[in-house]
Amino acid sequence: FDSYMIPTNELEMNGFRLLDVDNRIVLPMNTQIRILVTAADVIHSWTVPALGVKVDGTPGRLNQTNFLMNRPGLFFGQCSEICG
């Protein structure tokens, strides 16, 4: 699954800068979700603060995180590591 941030110059009038993406994911409720993460270049870190989820992507390693989707809503993930 790939999802990329929408560039600022392509955002709609009420879009959220640095939060809106081109491909949103829809997750089922009351289901344990497992996410596998890696990186191709440098360390990346991704978080969904409202769900208490944070995971690092490290080159050459496979990392995982689990969480339970127990409420409906629109949740925003964001970068939480300066990379590059």
PDB file of N, CA and C in Angstrom:
ATOM      1  N   PHE A   1       0.847  -1.182   0.000  1.00  0.00           N
ATOM      2  CA  PHE A   1       0.000   0.000   0.000  1.00  0.00           C
ATOM      3  C   PHE A   1       0.884   1.233   0.000  1.00  0.00           C
ATOM      4  N   ASP A   2       0.661   2.112  -0.917  1.00  0.00           N
ATOM      5  CA  ASP A   2       1.403   3.372  -0.985  1.00  0.00           C
ATOM      6  C   ASP A   2       0.447   4.544  -0.862  1.00  0.00           C
ATOM      7  N   SER A   3       0.879   5.550  -0.161  1.00  0.00           N
ATOM      8  CA  SER A   3       0.097   6.771   0.008  1.00  0.00           C
ATOM      9  C   SER A   3       1.079   7.924   0.148  1.00  0.00           C
ATOM     10  N   TYR A   4       0.882   8.963  -0.633  1.00  0.00           N
ATOM     11  CA  TYR A   4       1.812  10.086  -0.630  1.00  0.00           C
ATOM     12  C   TYR A   4       1.096  11.381  -0.269  1.00  0.00           C
ATOM     13  N   MET A   5       1.810  12.275   0.408  1.00  0.00           N
ATOM     14  CA  MET A   5       1.240  13.580   0.740  1.00  0.00           C
ATOM     15  C   MET A   5       0.936  14.355  -0.537  1.00  0.00           C
ATOM     16  N   ILE A   6      -0.149  15.106  -0.494  1.00  0.00           N
ATOM     17  CA  ILE A   6      -0.512  15.954  -1.626  1.00  0.00           C
ATOM     18  C   ILE A   6       0.342  17.222  -1.554  1.00  0.00           C
ATOM     19  N   PRO A   7       1.051  17.553  -2.642  1.00  0.00           N
ATOM     20  CA  PRO A   7       1.870  18.771  -2.633  1.00  0.00           C
ATOM     21  C   PRO A   7       1.023  20.008  -2.349  1.00  0.00           C
ATOM     22  N   THR A   8       1.607  20.974  -1.689  1.00  0.00           N
ATOM     23  CA  THR A   8       0.892  22.189  -1.289  1.00  0.00           C
ATOM     24  C   THR A   8       0.216  22.874  -2.470  1.00  0.00           C
ATOM     25  N   ASN A   9       0.872  22.909  -3.611  1.00  0.00           N
ATOM     26  CA  ASN A   9       0.292  23.592  -4.776  1.00  0.00           C
ATOM     27  C   ASN A   9      -0.878  22.826  -5.402  1.00  0.00           C
ATOM     28  N   GLU A  10      -1.120  21.576  -4.971  1.00  0.00           N
ATOM     29  CA  GLU A  10      -2.236  20.785  -5.498  1.00  0.00           C
ATOM     30  C   GLU A  10      -3.368  20.617  -4.485  1.00  0.00           C
ATOM     31  N   LEU A  11      -3.222  21.192  -3.300  1.00  0.00           N
ATOM     32  CA  LEU A  11      -4.250  21.065  -2.264  1.00  0.00           C
ATOM     33  C   LEU A  11      -5.519  21.811  -2.635  1.00  0.00           C
ATOM     34  N   GLU A  12      -6.661  21.250  -2.220  1.00  0.00           N
ATOM     35  CA  GLU A  12      -7.921  21.969  -2.377  1.00  0.00           C
ATOM     36  C   GLU A  12      -7.960  23.085  -1.343  1.00  0.00           C
ATOM     37  N   MET A  13      -8.917  23.987  -1.464  1.00  0.00           N
ATOM     38  CA  MET A  13      -8.991  25.171  -0.610  1.00  0.00           C
ATOM     39  C   MET A  13      -8.982  24.826   0.883  1.00  0.00           C
ATOM     40  N   ASN A  14      -9.712  23.818   1.308  1.00  0.00           N
ATOM     41  CA  ASN A  14      -9.788  23.470   2.733  1.00  0.00           C
ATOM     42  C   ASN A  14      -8.965  22.237   3.080  1.00  0.00           C
ATOM     43  N   GLY A  15      -7.979  21.901   2.256  1.00  0.00           N
ATOM     44  CA  GLY A  15      -7.128  20.746   2.518  1.00  0.00           C
ATOM     45  C   GLY A  15      -6.186  21.003   3.683  1.00  0.00           C
ATOM     46  N   PHE A  16      -5.714  19.920   4.284  1.00  0.00           N
ATOM     47  CA  PHE A  16      -4.790  20.027   5.415  1.00  0.00           C
ATOM     48  C   PHE A  16      -3.356  19.875   4.921  1.00  0.00           C
ATOM     49  N   ARG A  17      -2.603  20.957   4.967  1.00  0.00           N
ATOM     50  CA  ARG A  17      -1.210  20.944   4.511  1.00  0.00           C
ATOM     51  C   ARG A  17      -0.393  19.970   5.348  1.00  0.00           C
ATOM     52  N   LEU A  18       0.390  19.129   4.696  1.00  0.00           N
ATOM     53  CA  LEU A  18       1.256  18.111   5.294  1.00  0.00           C
ATOM     54  C   LEU A  18       0.479  16.964   5.940  1.00  0.00           C
ATOM     55  N   LEU A  19      -0.836  16.906   5.770  1.00  0.00           N
ATOM     56  CA  LEU A  19      -1.629  15.803   6.324  1.00  0.00           C
ATOM     57  C   LEU A  19      -2.472  15.097   5.269  1.00  0.00           C
ATOM     58  N   ASP A  20      -2.943  15.801   4.241  1.00  0.00           N
ATOM     59  CA  ASP A  20      -3.768  15.171   3.213  1.00  0.00           C
ATOM     60  C   ASP A  20      -2.909  14.300   2.307  1.00  0.00           C
ATOM     61  N   VAL A  21      -3.464  13.161   1.912  1.00  0.00           N
ATOM     62  CA  VAL A  21      -2.742  12.209   1.069  1.00  0.00           C
ATOM     63  C   VAL A  21      -3.563  11.876  -0.170  1.00  0.00           C
ATOM     64  N   ASP A  22      -2.892  11.279  -1.146  1.00  0.00           N
ATOM     65  CA  ASP A  22      -3.565  10.935  -2.393  1.00  0.00           C
ATOM     66  C   ASP A  22      -4.341   9.630  -2.313  1.00  0.00           C
ATOM     67  N   ASN A  23      -4.047   8.785  -1.352  1.00  0.00           N
ATOM     68  CA  ASN A  23      -4.654   7.462  -1.265  1.00  0.00           C
ATOM     69  C   ASN A  23      -4.928   7.130   0.200  1.00  0.00           C
ATOM     70  N   ARG A  24      -6.124   7.438   0.676  1.00  0.00           N
ATOM     71  CA  ARG A  24      -6.466   7.174   2.079  1.00  0.00           C
ATOM     72  C   ARG A  24      -6.734   5.692   2.289  1.00  0.00           C
ATOM     73  N   ILE A  25      -6.421   5.210   3.476  1.00  0.00           N
ATOM     74  CA  ILE A  25      -6.684   3.818   3.819  1.00  0.00           C
ATOM     75  C   ILE A  25      -7.939   3.762   4.687  1.00  0.00           C
ATOM     76  N   VAL A  26      -8.768   2.752   4.465  1.00  0.00           N
ATOM     77  CA  VAL A  26      -9.970   2.525   5.260  1.00  0.00           C
ATOM     78  C   VAL A  26      -9.760   1.229   6.027  1.00  0.00           C
ATOM     79  N   LEU A  27      -9.867   1.298   7.362  1.00  0.00           N
ATOM     80  CA  LEU A  27      -9.632   0.132   8.209  1.00  0.00           C
ATOM     81  C   LEU A  27     -10.935  -0.333   8.845  1.00  0.00           C
ATOM     82  N   PRO A  28     -11.097  -1.648   9.025  1.00  0.00           N
ATOM     83  CA  PRO A  28     -12.320  -2.167   9.651  1.00  0.00           C
ATOM     84  C   PRO A  28     -12.330  -1.918  11.155  1.00  0.00           C
ATOM     85  N   MET A  29     -13.533  -1.704  11.702  1.00  0.00           N
ATOM     86  CA  MET A  29     -13.674  -1.485  13.152  1.00  0.00           C
ATOM     87  C   MET A  29     -13.605  -2.814  13.903  1.00  0.00           C
ATOM     88  N   ASN A  30     -13.222  -2.719  15.182  1.00  0.00           N
ATOM     89  CA  ASN A  30     -13.148  -3.869  16.089  1.00  0.00           C
ATOM     90  C   ASN A  30     -12.291  -4.992  15.519  1.00  0.00           C
ATOM     91  N   THR A  31     -11.216  -4.608  14.892  1.00  0.00           N
ATOM     92  CA  THR A  31     -10.286  -5.555  14.287  1.00  0.00           C
ATOM     93  C   THR A  31      -8.867  -5.170  14.673  1.00  0.00           C
ATOM     94  N   GLN A  32      -8.072  -6.174  15.016  1.00  0.00           N
ATOM     95  CA  GLN A  32      -6.665  -5.942  15.314  1.00  0.00           C
ATOM     96  C   GLN A  32      -5.941  -5.669  13.998  1.00  0.00           C
ATOM     97  N   ILE A  33      -5.249  -4.555  13.910  1.00  0.00           N
ATOM     98  CA  ILE A  33      -4.541  -4.152  12.695  1.00  0.00           C
ATOM     99  C   ILE A  33      -3.045  -4.347  12.915  1.00  0.00           C
ATOM    100  N   ARG A  34      -2.378  -4.956  11.942  1.00  0.00           N
ATOM    101  CA  ARG A  34      -0.924  -5.145  11.993  1.00  0.00           C
ATOM    102  C   ARG A  34      -0.319  -4.422  10.798  1.00  0.00           C
ATOM    103  N   ILE A  35       0.639  -3.558  11.076  1.00  0.00           N
ATOM    104  CA  ILE A  35       1.307  -2.800  10.019  1.00  0.00           C
ATOM    105  C   ILE A  35       2.785  -3.174  10.006  1.00  0.00           C
ATOM    106  N   LEU A  36       3.285  -3.528   8.835  1.00  0.00           N
ATOM    107  CA  LEU A  36       4.701  -3.826   8.637  1.00  0.00           C
ATOM    108  C   LEU A  36       5.339  -2.640   7.930  1.00  0.00           C
ATOM    109  N   VAL A  37       6.495  -2.212   8.427  1.00  0.00           N
ATOM    110  CA  VAL A  37       7.136  -0.998   7.918  1.00  0.00           C
ATOM    111  C   VAL A  37       8.619  -1.253   7.677  1.00  0.00           C
ATOM    112  N   THR A  38       9.124  -0.707   6.577  1.00  0.00           N
ATOM    113  CA  THR A  38      10.554  -0.690   6.309  1.00  0.00           C
ATOM    114  C   THR A  38      10.872   0.605   5.562  1.00  0.00           C
ATOM    115  N   ALA A  39      12.115   0.826   5.249  1.00  0.00           N
ATOM    116  CA  ALA A  39      12.524   2.013   4.497  1.00  0.00           C
ATOM    117  C   ALA A  39      13.600   1.607   3.498  1.00  0.00           C
ATOM    118  N   ALA A  40      13.682   2.342   2.421  1.00  0.00           N
ATOM    119  CA  ALA A  40      14.667   2.042   1.389  1.00  0.00           C
ATOM    120  C   ALA A  40      15.918   2.901   1.505  1.00  0.00           C
ATOM    121  N   ASP A  41      15.810   4.057   2.175  1.00  0.00           N
ATOM    122  CA  ASP A  41      16.925   4.994   2.140  1.00  0.00           C
ATOM    123  C   ASP A  41      17.446   5.377   3.522  1.00  0.00           C
ATOM    124  N   VAL A  42      16.643   6.040   4.328  1.00  0.00           N
ATOM    125  CA  VAL A  42      17.052   6.504   5.659  1.00  0.00           C
ATOM    126  C   VAL A  42      15.970   6.117   6.667  1.00  0.00           C
ATOM    127  N   ILE A  43      16.208   6.375   7.938  1.00  0.00           N
ATOM    128  CA  ILE A  43      15.207   6.081   8.964  1.00  0.00           C
ATOM    129  C   ILE A  43      14.026   7.040   8.815  1.00  0.00           C
ATOM    130  N   HIS A  44      12.837   6.468   8.790  1.00  0.00           N
ATOM    131  CA  HIS A  44      11.601   7.242   8.763  1.00  0.00           C
ATOM    132  C   HIS A  44      10.799   6.859   9.999  1.00  0.00           C
ATOM    133  N   SER A  45       9.966   7.747  10.481  1.00  0.00           N
ATOM    134  CA  SER A  45       9.116   7.451  11.626  1.00  0.00           C
ATOM    135  C   SER A  45       7.727   7.994  11.340  1.00  0.00           C
ATOM    136  N   TRP A  46       6.729   7.176  11.594  1.00  0.00           N
ATOM    137  CA  TRP A  46       5.354   7.503  11.245  1.00  0.00           C
ATOM    138  C   TRP A  46       4.488   7.356  12.481  1.00  0.00           C
ATOM    139  N   THR A  47       3.541   8.265  12.681  1.00  0.00           N
ATOM    140  CA  THR A  47       2.696   8.226  13.868  1.00  0.00           C
ATOM    141  C   THR A  47       1.254   8.604  13.536  1.00  0.00           C
ATOM    142  N   VAL A  48       0.334   8.055  14.315  1.00  0.00           N
ATOM    143  CA  VAL A  48      -1.068   8.476  14.322  1.00  0.00           C
ATOM    144  C   VAL A  48      -1.358   8.828  15.779  1.00  0.00           C
ATOM    145  N   PRO A  49      -1.164  10.094  16.156  1.00  0.00           N
ATOM    146  CA  PRO A  49      -1.268  10.488  17.561  1.00  0.00           C
ATOM    147  C   PRO A  49      -2.598  10.130  18.220  1.00  0.00           C
ATOM    148  N   ALA A  50      -3.708  10.274  17.514  1.00  0.00           N
ATOM    149  CA  ALA A  50      -5.018  10.004  18.110  1.00  0.00           C
ATOM    150  C   ALA A  50      -5.215   8.532  18.460  1.00  0.00           C
ATOM    151  N   LEU A  51      -4.427   7.648  17.844  1.00  0.00           N
ATOM    152  CA  LEU A  51      -4.525   6.218  18.136  1.00  0.00           C
ATOM    153  C   LEU A  51      -3.387   5.735  19.030  1.00  0.00           C
ATOM    154  N   GLY A  52      -2.439   6.609  19.324  1.00  0.00           N
ATOM    155  CA  GLY A  52      -1.300   6.205  20.148  1.00  0.00           C
ATOM    156  C   GLY A  52      -0.373   5.247  19.432  1.00  0.00           C
ATOM    157  N   VAL A  53      -0.243   5.408  18.114  1.00  0.00           N
ATOM    158  CA  VAL A  53       0.576   4.513  17.297  1.00  0.00           C
ATOM    159  C   VAL A  53       1.773   5.281  16.757  1.00  0.00           C
ATOM    160  N   LYS A  54       2.962   4.687  16.878  1.00  0.00           N
ATOM    161  CA  LYS A  54       4.180   5.262  16.302  1.00  0.00           C
ATOM    162  C   LYS A  54       5.085   4.107  15.918  1.00  0.00           C
ATOM    163  N   VAL A  55       5.650   4.156  14.731  1.00  0.00           N
ATOM    164  CA  VAL A  55       6.526   3.081  14.273  1.00  0.00           C
ATOM    165  C   VAL A  55       7.639   3.669  13.408  1.00  0.00           C
ATOM    166  N   ASP A  56       8.824   3.081  13.512  1.00  0.00           N
ATOM    167  CA  ASP A  56       9.982   3.506  12.726  1.00  0.00           C
ATOM    168  C   ASP A  56      10.180   2.568  11.544  1.00  0.00           C
ATOM    169  N   GLY A  57      10.573   3.148  10.419  1.00  0.00           N
ATOM    170  CA  GLY A  57      10.991   2.381   9.261  1.00  0.00           C
ATOM    171  C   GLY A  57      12.493   2.526   9.125  1.00  0.00           C
ATOM    172  N   THR A  58      13.204   1.406   9.182  1.00  0.00           N
ATOM    173  CA  THR A  58      14.662   1.404   9.150  1.00  0.00           C
ATOM    174  C   THR A  58      15.146   0.623   7.932  1.00  0.00           C
ATOM    175  N   PRO A  59      16.082   1.173   7.162  1.00  0.00           N
ATOM    176  CA  PRO A  59      16.593   0.451   5.995  1.00  0.00           C
ATOM    177  C   PRO A  59      17.151  -0.921   6.380  1.00  0.00           C
ATOM    178  N   GLY A  60      16.779  -1.936   5.624  1.00  0.00           N
ATOM    179  CA  GLY A  60      17.291  -3.281   5.854  1.00  0.00           C
ATOM    180  C   GLY A  60      16.605  -4.045   6.975  1.00  0.00           C
ATOM    181  N   ARG A  61      15.631  -3.462   7.629  1.00  0.00           N
ATOM    182  CA  ARG A  61      14.921  -4.123   8.726  1.00  0.00           C
ATOM    183  C   ARG A  61      13.424  -4.041   8.478  1.00  0.00           C
ATOM    184  N   LEU A  62      12.706  -5.013   9.013  1.00  0.00           N
ATOM    185  CA  LEU A  62      11.250  -5.022   8.943  1.00  0.00           C
ATOM    186  C   LEU A  62      10.723  -4.810  10.352  1.00  0.00           C
ATOM    187  N   ASN A  63       9.947  -3.764  10.543  1.00  0.00           N
ATOM    188  CA  ASN A  63       9.391  -3.429  11.854  1.00  0.00           C
ATOM    189  C   ASN A  63       7.879  -3.589  11.779  1.00  0.00           C
ATOM    190  N   GLN A  64       7.250  -3.824  12.925  1.00  0.00           N
ATOM    191  CA  GLN A  64       5.800  -3.977  12.939  1.00  0.00           C
ATOM    192  C   GLN A  64       5.189  -3.264  14.129  1.00  0.00           C
ATOM    193  N   THR A  65       3.915  -2.936  13.996  1.00  0.00           N
ATOM    194  CA  THR A  65       3.141  -2.402  15.106  1.00  0.00           C
ATOM    195  C   THR A  65       1.729  -2.953  14.992  1.00  0.00           C
ATOM    196  N   ASN A  66       1.049  -3.048  16.119  1.00  0.00           N
ATOM    197  CA  ASN A  66      -0.321  -3.545  16.171  1.00  0.00           C
ATOM    198  C   ASN A  66      -1.184  -2.558  16.928  1.00  0.00           C
ATOM    199  N   PHE A  67      -2.433  -2.442  16.526  1.00  0.00           N
ATOM    200  CA  PHE A  67      -3.389  -1.630  17.277  1.00  0.00           C
ATOM    201  C   PHE A  67      -4.800  -2.099  16.954  1.00  0.00           C
ATOM    202  N   LEU A  68      -5.725  -1.752  17.826  1.00  0.00           N
ATOM    203  CA  LEU A  68      -7.124  -2.121  17.667  1.00  0.00           C
ATOM    204  C   LEU A  68      -7.917  -0.884  17.274  1.00  0.00           C
ATOM    205  N   MET A  69      -8.599  -0.951  16.144  1.00  0.00           N
ATOM    206  CA  MET A  69      -9.488   0.136  15.722  1.00  0.00           C
ATOM    207  C   MET A  69     -10.806  -0.054  16.460  1.00  0.00           C
ATOM    208  N   ASN A  70     -11.020   0.715  17.528  1.00  0.00           N
ATOM    209  CA  ASN A  70     -12.221   0.512  18.338  1.00  0.00           C
ATOM    210  C   ASN A  70     -13.208   1.673  18.262  1.00  0.00           C
ATOM    211  N   ARG A  71     -12.960   2.625  17.379  1.00  0.00           N
ATOM    212  CA  ARG A  71     -13.902   3.736  17.216  1.00  0.00           C
ATOM    213  C   ARG A  71     -13.802   4.282  15.790  1.00  0.00           C
ATOM    214  N   PRO A  72     -14.919   4.751  15.264  1.00  0.00           N
ATOM    215  CA  PRO A  72     -14.888   5.305  13.912  1.00  0.00           C
ATOM    216  C   PRO A  72     -14.287   6.706  13.918  1.00  0.00           C
ATOM    217  N   GLY A  73     -13.798   7.130  12.784  1.00  0.00           N
ATOM    218  CA  GLY A  73     -13.282   8.487  12.700  1.00  0.00           C
ATOM    219  C   GLY A  73     -12.329   8.658  11.544  1.00  0.00           C
ATOM    220  N   LEU A  74     -11.907   9.876  11.359  1.00  0.00           N
ATOM    221  CA  LEU A  74     -10.898  10.226  10.374  1.00  0.00           C
ATOM    222  C   LEU A  74      -9.632  10.540  11.159  1.00  0.00           C
ATOM    223  N   PHE A  75      -8.602   9.727  10.980  1.00  0.00           N
ATOM    224  CA  PHE A  75      -7.368   9.858  11.744  1.00  0.00           C
ATOM    225  C   PHE A  75      -6.234  10.233  10.798  1.00  0.00           C
ATOM    226  N   PHE A  76      -5.384  11.140  11.241  1.00  0.00           N
ATOM    227  CA  PHE A  76      -4.283  11.613  10.409  1.00  0.00           C
ATOM    228  C   PHE A  76      -2.964  11.034  10.897  1.00  0.00           C
ATOM    229  N   GLY A  77      -2.217  10.437   9.963  1.00  0.00           N
ATOM    230  CA  GLY A  77      -0.864   9.997  10.247  1.00  0.00           C
ATOM    231  C   GLY A  77       0.090  11.104   9.843  1.00  0.00           C
ATOM    232  N   GLN A  78       1.243  11.114  10.452  1.00  0.00           N
ATOM    233  CA  GLN A  78       2.206  12.162  10.109  1.00  0.00           C
ATOM    234  C   GLN A  78       3.625  11.686  10.361  1.00  0.00           C
ATOM    235  N   CYS A  79       4.549  12.351   9.721  1.00  0.00           N
ATOM    236  CA  CYS A  79       5.964  12.071   9.916  1.00  0.00           C
ATOM    237  C   CYS A  79       6.374  12.552  11.306  1.00  0.00           C
ATOM    238  N   SER A  80       7.209  11.771  11.974  1.00  0.00           N
ATOM    239  CA  SER A  80       7.665  12.191  13.302  1.00  0.00           C
ATOM    240  C   SER A  80       9.180  12.056  13.451  1.00  0.00           C
ATOM    241  N   GLU A  81       9.887  12.117  12.327  1.00  0.00           N
ATOM    242  CA  GLU A  81      11.350  12.002  12.348  1.00  0.00           C
ATOM    243  C   GLU A  81      11.909  12.864  11.225  1.00  0.00           C
ATOM    244  N   ILE A  82      12.894  13.661  11.517  1.00  0.00           N
ATOM    245  CA  ILE A  82      13.571  14.410  10.460  1.00  0.00           C
ATOM    246  C   ILE A  82      14.448  13.420   9.707  1.00  0.00           C
ATOM    247  N   CYS A  83      14.191  13.273   8.424  1.00  0.00           N
ATOM    248  CA  CYS A  83      14.936  12.279   7.652  1.00  0.00           C
ATOM    249  C   CYS A  83      15.749  12.981   6.569  1.00  0.00           C
ATOM    250  N   GLY A  84      16.674  12.233   6.011  1.00  0.00           N
ATOM    251  CA  GLY A  84      17.434  12.795   4.901  1.00  0.00           C
ATOM    252  C   GLY A  84      18.863  13.030   5.228  1.00  0.00           C
TER     253      GLY A  84
END
